[in-house]
């Protein structure tokens, strides 16, 4: 049964890192970039896009232009969250998980400006 997100509380002035779907991974290194906010947790019927949208909408309405999306979980959820943030802010701040050749792991921030599509 899916868990509905609670409206986030975070440290004022600090960006939020929206984790698309909470899994079993350790997201603690992402706290370097901001406070973790889990948008979904557990199983969702991936064909019920409207339900997923309605679940995450109240949380993303509170997002700011400096907030980030930590890409994880089902592709359709990532696509939906990125679309919503792009419409709201005109750009995406993505947090990507990387593993180096030496086996160390970390996150990297990448910003995609979308204003040149108009």
Protein backbone atom coordinates (compact mmCIF):
# COMPACT_ATOMS: atom_id res chain seq x y z
CA UNK A 1 0.00 0.00 0.00
CA UNK A 2 1.53 3.36 -0.99
CA UNK A 3 2.35 5.90 1.66
CA UNK A 4 1.12 9.45 1.16
CA UNK A 5 3.84 12.04 1.74
CA UNK A 6 3.46 14.41 4.62
CA UNK A 7 3.91 18.07 3.87
CA UNK A 8 7.60 18.72 4.42
CA UNK A 9 9.25 20.54 7.24
CA UNK A 10 12.77 21.68 6.61
CA UNK A 11 15.42 24.13 7.70
CA UNK A 12 14.53 27.64 6.45
CA UNK A 13 16.98 28.92 3.85
CA UNK A 14 18.21 25.42 3.03
CA UNK A 15 17.24 23.75 -0.26
CA UNK A 16 15.02 20.68 -0.32
CA UNK A 17 16.13 17.48 -2.01
CA UNK A 18 13.05 15.70 -3.34
CA UNK A 19 13.60 11.94 -3.34
CA UNK A 20 11.17 10.67 -5.97
CA UNK A 21 10.55 7.25 -4.39
CA UNK A 22 12.00 6.13 -1.07
CA UNK A 23 13.74 2.82 -1.51
CA UNK A 24 16.24 0.84 0.49
CA UNK A 25 19.21 2.97 -0.58
CA UNK A 26 21.20 5.11 1.82
CA UNK A 27 20.46 8.70 0.77
CA UNK A 28 22.47 10.30 3.59
CA UNK A 29 25.19 11.72 1.29
CA UNK A 30 22.49 13.75 -0.47
CA UNK A 31 21.93 15.77 2.72
CA UNK A 32 25.03 17.75 1.72
CA UNK A 33 22.76 19.47 -0.82
CA UNK A 34 19.68 20.00 1.34
CA UNK A 35 16.98 18.46 3.51
CA UNK A 36 15.55 15.18 2.20
CA UNK A 37 11.86 15.15 1.32
CA UNK A 38 10.40 11.80 0.23
CA UNK A 39 7.67 12.25 -2.39
CA UNK A 40 6.50 8.62 -2.46
CA UNK A 41 7.26 5.37 -0.70
CA UNK A 42 6.28 1.84 -1.52
CA UNK A 43 4.45 0.35 -4.45
CA UNK A 44 2.33 2.42 -6.83
CA UNK A 45 0.40 1.23 -9.85
CA UNK A 46 2.52 2.92 -12.50
CA UNK A 47 -0.45 3.15 -14.86
CA UNK A 48 -2.29 5.32 -12.32
CA UNK A 49 -0.44 8.48 -13.29
CA UNK A 50 -3.26 10.73 -12.08
CA UNK A 51 -3.07 9.23 -8.59
CA UNK A 52 0.71 9.66 -8.50
CA UNK A 53 0.31 13.27 -9.66
CA UNK A 54 -2.28 14.02 -6.97
CA UNK A 55 -0.04 12.43 -4.33
CA UNK A 56 3.00 14.58 -5.05
CA UNK A 57 1.29 17.82 -6.10
CA UNK A 58 0.74 19.27 -2.60
CA UNK A 59 4.41 18.73 -1.74
CA UNK A 60 5.84 20.15 -4.98
CA UNK A 61 3.60 23.22 -4.69
CA UNK A 62 5.90 24.21 -1.82
CA UNK A 63 9.08 23.79 -3.89
CA UNK A 64 11.44 26.64 -4.59
CA UNK A 65 13.77 27.39 -7.50
CA UNK A 66 16.85 26.15 -5.61
CA UNK A 67 15.36 22.77 -4.69
CA UNK A 68 16.69 19.57 -6.24
CA UNK A 69 15.28 16.31 -7.57
CA UNK A 70 17.10 13.14 -6.60
CA UNK A 71 16.36 10.79 -9.47
CA UNK A 72 15.43 7.32 -8.22
CA UNK A 73 12.59 4.88 -8.55
CA UNK A 74 10.30 4.23 -11.51
CA UNK A 75 10.91 6.17 -14.72
CA UNK A 76 7.32 7.42 -14.94
CA UNK A 77 7.57 8.96 -11.46
CA UNK A 78 10.86 10.68 -12.33
CA UNK A 79 9.36 11.97 -15.58
CA UNK A 80 6.31 13.33 -13.81
CA UNK A 81 8.30 15.07 -11.05
CA UNK A 82 10.73 16.59 -13.57
CA UNK A 83 7.84 17.84 -15.70
CA UNK A 84 6.12 19.43 -12.73
CA UNK A 85 9.29 21.16 -11.53
CA UNK A 86 10.13 22.32 -15.06
CA UNK A 87 6.70 23.90 -15.49
CA UNK A 88 6.87 25.58 -12.09
CA UNK A 89 10.47 26.83 -12.17
CA UNK A 90 11.61 26.83 -15.83
CA UNK A 91 14.65 24.71 -14.98
CA UNK A 92 15.64 21.48 -13.27
CA UNK A 93 18.16 20.99 -10.49
CA UNK A 94 19.00 17.30 -10.64
CA UNK A 95 20.98 15.29 -8.12
CA UNK A 96 22.67 12.35 -9.85
CA UNK A 97 24.21 9.34 -8.08
CA UNK A 98 27.67 8.41 -9.34
CA UNK A 99 30.09 5.59 -8.63
CA UNK A 100 33.76 6.29 -9.41
CA UNK A 101 36.17 3.77 -10.95
CA UNK A 102 37.61 3.31 -7.47
CA UNK A 103 34.17 2.36 -6.14
CA UNK A 104 33.44 5.49 -4.14
CA UNK A 105 29.95 6.92 -4.41
CA UNK A 106 28.67 10.45 -4.32
CA UNK A 107 26.04 12.79 -5.72
CA UNK A 108 26.55 15.50 -8.33
CA UNK A 109 24.26 18.44 -8.97
CA UNK A 110 23.36 19.33 -12.54
CA UNK A 111 21.09 22.18 -13.65
CA UNK A 112 19.16 22.10 -16.92
CA UNK A 113 17.90 25.48 -18.16
CA UNK A 114 14.69 25.12 -20.15
CA UNK A 115 13.93 28.71 -21.16
CA UNK A 116 15.33 28.27 -24.68
CA UNK A 117 12.50 25.93 -25.69
CA UNK A 118 10.04 28.78 -26.20
